[in-house]
Amino acid sequence: MKRLLLVCALAARFCVAPGASAQSDANRASAEVLAVEAGRTAALVHSDVAALERLMADDVTYVHASGKVDTKASYLDAIRSGKLVYLSWNPMKLNARVTGDMAVIDGEYAVKAIDHRVQEAPFVIDIFILTVYAKRDGRWQQIAWQSTRDTALTPAN
């Protein structure tokens, strides 16, 4: 009887564990990619172009809420030159989904910036975002960004 209970207990452990392990791995991967995203926004606020060079893939596509499209080179040049200055990036809600070596983050940010390419005065914009990260050479890199103005919170000028 004791042997039967032990076998049943072990069988139950191995039947439940893979799902629990997969769930904790997914949670860990989601937390990891959200931490990378937090590092990216911190680098933006500090104009840390060296960090952004590592965090953004060379083939990234970056579409702003204004409709302006940047490559990695044009985006980092604007930050480096001071034409684009981020004063704050505040996440209002972010969700990450990871599948293998790809991750998608969707959510909302409140951003305060000065973009001399668009207008001279600082502005605050609430945006919905969709960004994609790929794990390349063992690290997460942003490969796409799309943002849309939340007109309910930030009416168009």
N, C-alpha and C. Protein backbone atom coordinates (compact mmCIF):
# COMPACT_ATOMS: atom_id res chain seq x y z
N MET A 1 0.82 -1.19 0.00
CA MET A 1 0.00 0.00 0.00
C MET A 1 0.87 1.26 0.00
N LYS A 2 1.90 1.26 0.85
CA LYS A 2 2.79 2.42 0.91
C LYS A 2 3.49 2.62 -0.44
N ARG A 3 3.88 1.50 -1.04
CA ARG A 3 4.55 1.56 -2.34
C ARG A 3 3.61 2.15 -3.40
N LEU A 4 2.34 1.77 -3.38
CA LEU A 4 1.34 2.28 -4.31
C LEU A 4 1.15 3.78 -4.13
N LEU A 5 1.07 4.22 -2.87
CA LEU A 5 0.92 5.66 -2.59
C LEU A 5 2.15 6.43 -3.08
N LEU A 6 3.33 5.87 -2.86
CA LEU A 6 4.56 6.52 -3.32
C LEU A 6 4.57 6.63 -4.85
N VAL A 7 4.20 5.57 -5.54
CA VAL A 7 4.14 5.58 -7.01
C VAL A 7 3.12 6.62 -7.49
N CYS A 8 1.95 6.66 -6.85
CA CYS A 8 0.92 7.65 -7.23
C CYS A 8 1.40 9.07 -6.99
N ALA A 9 2.08 9.29 -5.85
CA ALA A 9 2.59 10.62 -5.53
C ALA A 9 3.63 11.06 -6.56
N LEU A 10 4.55 10.15 -6.91
CA LEU A 10 5.57 10.48 -7.91
C LEU A 10 4.95 10.72 -9.28
N ALA A 11 3.97 9.91 -9.64
CA ALA A 11 3.30 10.09 -10.93
C ALA A 11 2.59 11.44 -10.98
N ALA A 12 1.93 11.80 -9.91
CA ALA A 12 1.25 13.10 -9.85
C ALA A 12 2.24 14.24 -9.95
N ARG A 13 3.38 14.10 -9.30
CA ARG A 13 4.42 15.14 -9.33
C ARG A 13 4.92 15.36 -10.76
N PHE A 14 5.19 14.28 -11.47
CA PHE A 14 5.71 14.41 -12.83
C PHE A 14 4.66 14.81 -13.84
N CYS A 15 3.41 14.54 -13.55
CA CYS A 15 2.34 14.95 -14.46
C CYS A 15 2.06 16.44 -14.32
N VAL A 16 2.20 16.97 -13.13
CA VAL A 16 1.89 18.38 -12.87
C VAL A 16 3.11 19.26 -13.14
N ALA A 17 4.28 18.78 -12.83
CA ALA A 17 5.49 19.60 -12.89
C ALA A 17 5.78 20.21 -14.25
N PRO A 18 5.66 19.47 -15.36
CA PRO A 18 6.01 20.10 -16.64
C PRO A 18 5.17 21.34 -16.94
N GLY A 19 3.89 21.30 -16.69
CA GLY A 19 3.06 22.48 -16.93
C GLY A 19 3.43 23.62 -16.02
N ALA A 20 3.67 23.30 -14.75
CA ALA A 20 4.05 24.34 -13.79
C ALA A 20 5.40 24.92 -14.17
N SER A 21 6.32 24.06 -14.59
CA SER A 21 7.64 24.52 -14.99
C SER A 21 7.55 25.40 -16.24
N ALA A 22 6.76 24.99 -17.21
CA ALA A 22 6.60 25.78 -18.43
C ALA A 22 6.00 27.15 -18.10
N GLN A 23 5.04 27.16 -17.18
CA GLN A 23 4.42 28.44 -16.79
C GLN A 23 5.44 29.34 -16.09
N SER A 24 6.25 28.79 -15.21
CA SER A 24 7.23 29.62 -14.53
C SER A 24 8.31 30.10 -15.50
N ASP A 25 8.67 29.25 -16.49
CA ASP A 25 9.62 29.68 -17.52
C ASP A 25 9.04 30.83 -18.34
N ALA A 26 7.76 30.75 -18.68
CA ALA A 26 7.10 31.82 -19.44
C ALA A 26 7.06 33.10 -18.61
N ASN A 27 6.74 32.98 -17.33
CA ASN A 27 6.71 34.15 -16.46
C ASN A 27 8.10 34.77 -16.33
N ARG A 28 9.11 33.92 -16.21
CA ARG A 28 10.49 34.40 -16.09
C ARG A 28 10.91 35.11 -17.38
N ALA A 29 10.58 34.53 -18.53
CA ALA A 29 10.93 35.14 -19.82
C ALA A 29 10.20 36.47 -20.00
N SER A 30 8.93 36.52 -19.61
CA SER A 30 8.16 37.78 -19.71
C SER A 30 8.78 38.85 -18.82
N ALA A 31 9.14 38.47 -17.60
CA ALA A 31 9.77 39.43 -16.68
C ALA A 31 11.10 39.91 -17.24
N GLU A 32 11.84 39.00 -17.86
CA GLU A 32 13.14 39.35 -18.44
C GLU A 32 12.98 40.37 -19.57
N VAL A 33 12.05 40.14 -20.46
CA VAL A 33 11.88 41.06 -21.59
C VAL A 33 11.30 42.39 -21.12
N LEU A 34 10.44 42.38 -20.09
CA LEU A 34 9.93 43.64 -19.54
C LEU A 34 11.05 44.44 -18.86
N ALA A 35 12.00 43.74 -18.26
CA ALA A 35 13.16 44.43 -17.66
C ALA A 35 14.02 45.06 -18.75
N VAL A 36 14.18 44.37 -19.87
CA VAL A 36 14.94 44.94 -21.00
C VAL A 36 14.22 46.18 -21.52
N GLU A 37 12.90 46.12 -21.63
CA GLU A 37 12.12 47.29 -22.08
C GLU A 37 12.27 48.45 -21.09
N ALA A 38 12.26 48.16 -19.80
CA ALA A 38 12.47 49.22 -18.80
C ALA A 38 13.86 49.83 -18.94
N GLY A 39 14.84 48.98 -19.24
CA GLY A 39 16.20 49.49 -19.48
C GLY A 39 16.26 50.37 -20.71
N ARG A 40 15.49 50.00 -21.73
CA ARG A 40 15.46 50.80 -22.97
C ARG A 40 14.88 52.18 -22.70
N THR A 41 13.76 52.24 -21.96
CA THR A 41 13.15 53.55 -21.70
C THR A 41 14.03 54.39 -20.77
N ALA A 42 14.72 53.75 -19.83
CA ALA A 42 15.67 54.49 -18.98
C ALA A 42 16.80 55.05 -19.84
N ALA A 43 17.29 54.26 -20.79
CA ALA A 43 18.34 54.74 -21.69
C ALA A 43 17.85 55.91 -22.53
N LEU A 44 16.57 55.87 -22.94
CA LEU A 44 16.02 56.98 -23.71
C LEU A 44 16.00 58.27 -22.88
N VAL A 45 15.56 58.17 -21.63
CA VAL A 45 15.48 59.36 -20.77
C VAL A 45 16.88 59.93 -20.49
N HIS A 46 17.88 59.06 -20.42
CA HIS A 46 19.25 59.52 -20.16
C HIS A 46 20.06 59.74 -21.43
N SER A 47 19.41 59.64 -22.57
CA SER A 47 20.10 59.78 -23.87
C SER A 47 21.34 58.90 -23.94
N ASP A 48 21.22 57.68 -23.42
CA ASP A 48 22.33 56.73 -23.38
C ASP A 48 22.37 55.96 -24.71
N VAL A 49 23.00 56.57 -25.68
CA VAL A 49 23.05 56.01 -27.03
C VAL A 49 23.81 54.68 -27.05
N ALA A 50 24.84 54.55 -26.23
CA ALA A 50 25.59 53.29 -26.19
C ALA A 50 24.69 52.14 -25.75
N ALA A 51 23.87 52.35 -24.74
CA ALA A 51 22.94 51.30 -24.29
C ALA A 51 21.91 51.01 -25.37
N LEU A 52 21.41 52.06 -26.01
CA LEU A 52 20.41 51.87 -27.07
C LEU A 52 21.00 51.11 -28.26
N GLU A 53 22.28 51.33 -28.56
CA GLU A 53 22.96 50.59 -29.63
C GLU A 53 22.86 49.09 -29.38
N ARG A 54 23.01 48.68 -28.11
CA ARG A 54 22.95 47.26 -27.76
C ARG A 54 21.52 46.74 -27.73
N LEU A 55 20.59 47.57 -27.27
CA LEU A 55 19.20 47.12 -27.07
C LEU A 55 18.38 47.10 -28.36
N MET A 56 18.75 47.90 -29.32
CA MET A 56 18.01 47.96 -30.58
C MET A 56 18.76 47.18 -31.66
N ALA A 57 18.05 46.34 -32.38
CA ALA A 57 18.65 45.59 -33.48
C ALA A 57 19.00 46.53 -34.62
N ASP A 58 20.00 46.17 -35.39
CA ASP A 58 20.39 47.01 -36.52
C ASP A 58 19.26 47.16 -37.53
N ASP A 59 18.38 46.15 -37.62
CA ASP A 59 17.28 46.18 -38.59
C ASP A 59 15.94 46.61 -37.98
N VAL A 60 15.98 47.29 -36.84
CA VAL A 60 14.74 47.73 -36.18
C VAL A 60 13.95 48.69 -37.08
N THR A 61 12.65 48.57 -37.00
CA THR A 61 11.73 49.53 -37.63
C THR A 61 11.04 50.26 -36.50
N TYR A 62 11.10 51.59 -36.50
CA TYR A 62 10.59 52.39 -35.39
C TYR A 62 9.58 53.40 -35.93
N VAL A 63 8.31 53.16 -35.63
CA VAL A 63 7.24 54.03 -36.12
C VAL A 63 6.66 54.81 -34.94
N HIS A 64 6.80 56.13 -34.98
CA HIS A 64 6.33 57.01 -33.91
C HIS A 64 4.83 57.27 -34.04
N ALA A 65 4.24 57.75 -32.97
CA ALA A 65 2.81 58.09 -32.97
C ALA A 65 2.51 59.21 -33.97
N SER A 66 3.50 60.01 -34.29
CA SER A 66 3.33 61.10 -35.27
C SER A 66 3.25 60.56 -36.70
N GLY A 67 3.63 59.30 -36.86
CA GLY A 67 3.69 58.72 -38.20
C GLY A 67 5.10 58.73 -38.77
N LYS A 68 6.01 59.43 -38.09
CA LYS A 68 7.41 59.45 -38.54
C LYS A 68 8.01 58.06 -38.38
N VAL A 69 8.75 57.62 -39.38
CA VAL A 69 9.40 56.31 -39.35
C VAL A 69 10.91 56.53 -39.28
N ASP A 70 11.54 55.85 -38.33
CA ASP A 70 12.99 55.93 -38.17
C ASP A 70 13.62 54.57 -38.35
N THR A 71 14.86 54.58 -38.82
CA THR A 71 15.73 53.41 -38.75
C THR A 71 16.50 53.55 -37.44
N LYS A 72 17.28 52.56 -37.11
CA LYS A 72 18.11 52.65 -35.91
C LYS A 72 19.06 53.84 -36.04
N ALA A 73 19.68 53.98 -37.19
CA ALA A 73 20.65 55.05 -37.40
C ALA A 73 20.00 56.43 -37.27
N SER A 74 18.87 56.64 -37.93
CA SER A 74 18.24 57.97 -37.88
C SER A 74 17.71 58.29 -36.49
N TYR A 75 17.19 57.27 -35.79
CA TYR A 75 16.66 57.47 -34.44
C TYR A 75 17.79 57.83 -33.47
N LEU A 76 18.86 57.06 -33.50
CA LEU A 76 19.97 57.33 -32.58
C LEU A 76 20.69 58.62 -32.94
N ASP A 77 20.76 58.97 -34.21
CA ASP A 77 21.34 60.26 -34.61
C ASP A 77 20.52 61.42 -34.04
N ALA A 78 19.19 61.29 -34.06
CA ALA A 78 18.33 62.36 -33.52
C ALA A 78 18.54 62.51 -32.01
N ILE A 79 18.73 61.40 -31.31
CA ILE A 79 18.98 61.46 -29.86
C ILE A 79 20.38 62.01 -29.60
N ARG A 80 21.35 61.51 -30.32
CA ARG A 80 22.74 61.94 -30.16
C ARG A 80 22.89 63.45 -30.41
N SER A 81 22.20 63.96 -31.40
CA SER A 81 22.32 65.38 -31.77
C SER A 81 21.50 66.30 -30.88
N GLY A 82 20.62 65.75 -30.07
CA GLY A 82 19.76 66.57 -29.23
C GLY A 82 18.49 67.04 -29.92
N LYS A 83 18.27 66.60 -31.15
CA LYS A 83 17.01 66.94 -31.84
C LYS A 83 15.82 66.25 -31.19
N LEU A 84 16.08 65.08 -30.59
CA LEU A 84 15.05 64.32 -29.89
C LEU A 84 15.52 64.07 -28.47
N VAL A 85 14.76 64.61 -27.51
CA VAL A 85 15.11 64.48 -26.09
C VAL A 85 13.89 63.96 -25.35
N TYR A 86 14.07 62.85 -24.67
CA TYR A 86 12.98 62.30 -23.86
C TYR A 86 13.17 62.76 -22.42
N LEU A 87 12.13 63.36 -21.86
CA LEU A 87 12.17 63.83 -20.48
C LEU A 87 11.63 62.79 -19.52
N SER A 88 10.67 61.99 -19.97
CA SER A 88 10.14 60.90 -19.13
C SER A 88 9.41 59.87 -19.98
N TRP A 89 9.45 58.65 -19.50
CA TRP A 89 8.70 57.51 -20.05
C TRP A 89 8.06 56.82 -18.87
N ASN A 90 6.76 56.93 -18.72
CA ASN A 90 6.06 56.30 -17.60
C ASN A 90 5.11 55.22 -18.12
N PRO A 91 5.40 53.96 -17.79
CA PRO A 91 4.49 52.90 -18.23
C PRO A 91 3.18 52.97 -17.45
N MET A 92 2.08 52.91 -18.17
CA MET A 92 0.77 52.89 -17.52
C MET A 92 0.28 51.45 -17.42
N LYS A 93 0.66 50.64 -18.39
CA LYS A 93 0.29 49.24 -18.42
C LYS A 93 1.11 48.57 -19.51
N LEU A 94 1.76 47.46 -19.18
CA LEU A 94 2.53 46.71 -20.16
C LEU A 94 2.26 45.21 -19.99
N ASN A 95 2.12 44.52 -21.10
CA ASN A 95 1.91 43.07 -21.11
C ASN A 95 2.93 42.46 -22.06
N ALA A 96 3.58 41.39 -21.61
CA ALA A 96 4.56 40.71 -22.46
C ALA A 96 4.12 39.28 -22.71
N ARG A 97 4.31 38.86 -23.96
CA ARG A 97 4.08 37.46 -24.35
C ARG A 97 5.34 36.98 -25.05
N VAL A 98 5.84 35.85 -24.58
CA VAL A 98 7.08 35.30 -25.13
C VAL A 98 6.78 33.95 -25.74
N THR A 99 7.26 33.75 -26.96
CA THR A 99 7.18 32.46 -27.65
C THR A 99 8.55 32.17 -28.22
N GLY A 100 9.24 31.23 -27.60
CA GLY A 100 10.59 30.90 -28.07
C GLY A 100 11.51 32.10 -27.95
N ASP A 101 12.11 32.48 -29.07
CA ASP A 101 13.06 33.61 -29.08
C ASP A 101 12.42 34.92 -29.54
N MET A 102 11.09 34.99 -29.48
CA MET A 102 10.37 36.21 -29.86
C MET A 102 9.49 36.66 -28.71
N ALA A 103 9.37 37.96 -28.54
CA ALA A 103 8.51 38.52 -27.49
C ALA A 103 7.77 39.72 -28.05
N VAL A 104 6.52 39.84 -27.65
CA VAL A 104 5.69 40.98 -28.03
C VAL A 104 5.25 41.67 -26.74
N ILE A 105 5.42 42.97 -26.71
CA ILE A 105 4.94 43.77 -25.58
C ILE A 105 3.90 44.73 -26.12
N ASP A 106 2.75 44.78 -25.46
CA ASP A 106 1.75 45.79 -25.79
C ASP A 106 1.39 46.51 -24.51
N GLY A 107 0.89 47.72 -24.66
CA GLY A 107 0.51 48.48 -23.47
C GLY A 107 0.41 49.96 -23.75
N GLU A 108 0.64 50.73 -22.68
CA GLU A 108 0.49 52.18 -22.75
C GLU A 108 1.63 52.86 -21.99
N TYR A 109 2.06 53.98 -22.53
CA TYR A 109 3.06 54.85 -21.89
C TYR A 109 2.54 56.28 -21.88
N ALA A 110 2.96 57.03 -20.87
CA ALA A 110 2.85 58.49 -20.88
C ALA A 110 4.28 58.99 -21.10
N VAL A 111 4.47 59.77 -22.15
CA VAL A 111 5.81 60.20 -22.55
C VAL A 111 5.86 61.73 -22.59
N LYS A 112 6.95 62.28 -22.07
CA LYS A 112 7.20 63.72 -22.21
C LYS A 112 8.50 63.85 -23.00
N ALA A 113 8.44 64.62 -24.08
CA ALA A 113 9.59 64.71 -24.98
C ALA A 113 9.68 66.08 -25.63
N ILE A 114 10.84 66.32 -26.19
CA ILE A 114 11.06 67.45 -27.08
C ILE A 114 11.58 66.85 -28.38
N ASP A 115 10.83 67.00 -29.44
CA ASP A 115 11.26 66.48 -30.74
C ASP A 115 11.30 67.66 -31.71
N HIS A 116 12.49 68.23 -31.84
CA HIS A 116 12.66 69.40 -32.70
C HIS A 116 12.38 69.08 -34.16
N ARG A 117 12.31 67.82 -34.52
CA ARG A 117 11.98 67.42 -35.89
C ARG A 117 10.50 67.60 -36.16
N VAL A 118 9.69 67.68 -35.06
CA VAL A 118 8.23 67.80 -35.19
C VAL A 118 7.74 69.15 -34.71
N GLN A 119 8.20 69.57 -33.51
CA GLN A 119 7.82 70.87 -32.95
C GLN A 119 8.88 71.28 -31.94
N GLU A 120 8.96 72.56 -31.65
CA GLU A 120 10.01 73.06 -30.76
C GLU A 120 9.68 72.91 -29.28
N ALA A 121 8.41 72.99 -28.93
CA ALA A 121 8.02 72.96 -27.52
C ALA A 121 7.95 71.53 -26.99
N PRO A 122 8.25 71.35 -25.70
CA PRO A 122 8.05 70.02 -25.10
C PRO A 122 6.58 69.63 -25.18
N PHE A 123 6.32 68.34 -25.26
CA PHE A 123 4.94 67.88 -25.29
C PHE A 123 4.82 66.59 -24.48
N VAL A 124 3.61 66.36 -24.02
CA VAL A 124 3.26 65.12 -23.32
C VAL A 124 2.32 64.36 -24.23
N ILE A 125 2.57 63.08 -24.36
CA ILE A 125 1.72 62.25 -25.22
C ILE A 125 1.48 60.91 -24.53
N ASP A 126 0.25 60.49 -24.54
CA ASP A 126 -0.12 59.17 -24.06
C ASP A 126 -0.25 58.28 -25.28
N ILE A 127 0.45 57.15 -25.25
CA ILE A 127 0.49 56.29 -26.43
C ILE A 127 0.17 54.84 -26.09
N PHE A 128 -0.46 54.18 -27.05
CA PHE A 128 -0.57 52.73 -27.05
C PHE A 128 0.63 52.23 -27.83
N ILE A 129 1.22 51.13 -27.39
CA ILE A 129 2.41 50.63 -28.07
C ILE A 129 2.32 49.15 -28.37
N LEU A 130 3.04 48.77 -29.39
CA LEU A 130 3.28 47.37 -29.72
C LEU A 130 4.74 47.30 -30.12
N THR A 131 5.52 46.52 -29.39
CA THR A 131 6.93 46.38 -29.71
C THR A 131 7.29 44.90 -29.73
N VAL A 132 8.26 44.57 -30.56
CA VAL A 132 8.68 43.18 -30.72
C VAL A 132 10.17 43.09 -30.40
N TYR A 133 10.50 42.08 -29.62
CA TYR A 133 11.89 41.78 -29.29
C TYR A 133 12.23 40.39 -29.82
N ALA A 134 13.49 40.22 -30.23
CA ALA A 134 14.00 38.92 -30.64
C ALA A 134 15.23 38.62 -29.80
N LYS A 135 15.36 37.38 -29.39
CA LYS A 135 16.55 36.97 -28.66
C LYS A 135 17.60 36.57 -29.67
N ARG A 136 18.65 37.38 -29.73
CA ARG A 136 19.73 37.17 -30.69
C ARG A 136 21.05 37.10 -29.93
N ASP A 137 21.84 36.12 -30.22
CA ASP A 137 23.13 35.94 -29.53
C ASP A 137 22.97 35.99 -28.01
N GLY A 138 21.86 35.39 -27.52
CA GLY A 138 21.64 35.28 -26.08
C GLY A 138 21.09 36.51 -25.39
N ARG A 139 20.73 37.55 -26.15
CA ARG A 139 20.18 38.76 -25.51
C ARG A 139 18.99 39.27 -26.30
N TRP A 140 18.09 39.94 -25.60
CA TRP A 140 16.89 40.49 -26.22
C TRP A 140 17.24 41.80 -26.92
N GLN A 141 16.77 41.94 -28.15
CA GLN A 141 16.93 43.18 -28.91
C GLN A 141 15.59 43.58 -29.51
N GLN A 142 15.32 44.86 -29.47
CA GLN A 142 14.09 45.38 -30.07
C GLN A 142 14.23 45.35 -31.59
N ILE A 143 13.21 44.75 -32.26
CA ILE A 143 13.26 44.68 -33.72
C ILE A 143 12.14 45.48 -34.37
N ALA A 144 11.13 45.89 -33.57
CA ALA A 144 10.04 46.70 -34.13
C ALA A 144 9.37 47.48 -33.02
N TRP A 145 8.88 48.67 -33.39
CA TRP A 145 8.14 49.55 -32.48
C TRP A 145 7.06 50.25 -33.28
N GLN A 146 5.87 50.27 -32.74
CA GLN A 146 4.74 51.01 -33.34
C GLN A 146 3.99 51.66 -32.20
N SER A 147 3.74 52.94 -32.30
CA SER A 147 2.96 53.62 -31.27
C SER A 147 1.84 54.43 -31.91
N THR A 148 0.78 54.58 -31.14
CA THR A 148 -0.40 55.31 -31.60
C THR A 148 -0.87 56.21 -30.47
N ARG A 149 -1.16 57.44 -30.80
CA ARG A 149 -1.65 58.40 -29.80
C ARG A 149 -2.96 57.92 -29.20
N ASP A 150 -3.07 57.99 -27.88
CA ASP A 150 -4.32 57.71 -27.18
C ASP A 150 -5.12 59.02 -27.19
N THR A 151 -6.02 59.15 -28.13
CA THR A 151 -6.75 60.41 -28.28
C THR A 151 -7.71 60.67 -27.12
N ALA A 152 -8.07 59.64 -26.37
CA ALA A 152 -8.93 59.86 -25.19
C ALA A 152 -8.17 60.62 -24.10
N LEU A 153 -6.84 60.40 -24.01
CA LEU A 153 -6.04 61.07 -22.98
C LEU A 153 -5.26 62.26 -23.53
N THR A 154 -4.86 62.20 -24.80
CA THR A 154 -4.06 63.25 -25.41
C THR A 154 -4.70 63.67 -26.72
N PRO A 155 -5.65 64.61 -26.66
CA PRO A 155 -6.28 65.04 -27.93
C PRO A 155 -5.25 65.63 -28.88
N ALA A 156 -5.45 65.43 -30.15
CA ALA A 156 -4.54 66.00 -31.16
C ALA A 156 -4.58 67.51 -31.08
N ASN A 157 -3.43 68.13 -31.35
CA ASN A 157 -3.34 69.61 -31.28
C ASN A 157 -4.05 70.26 -32.43
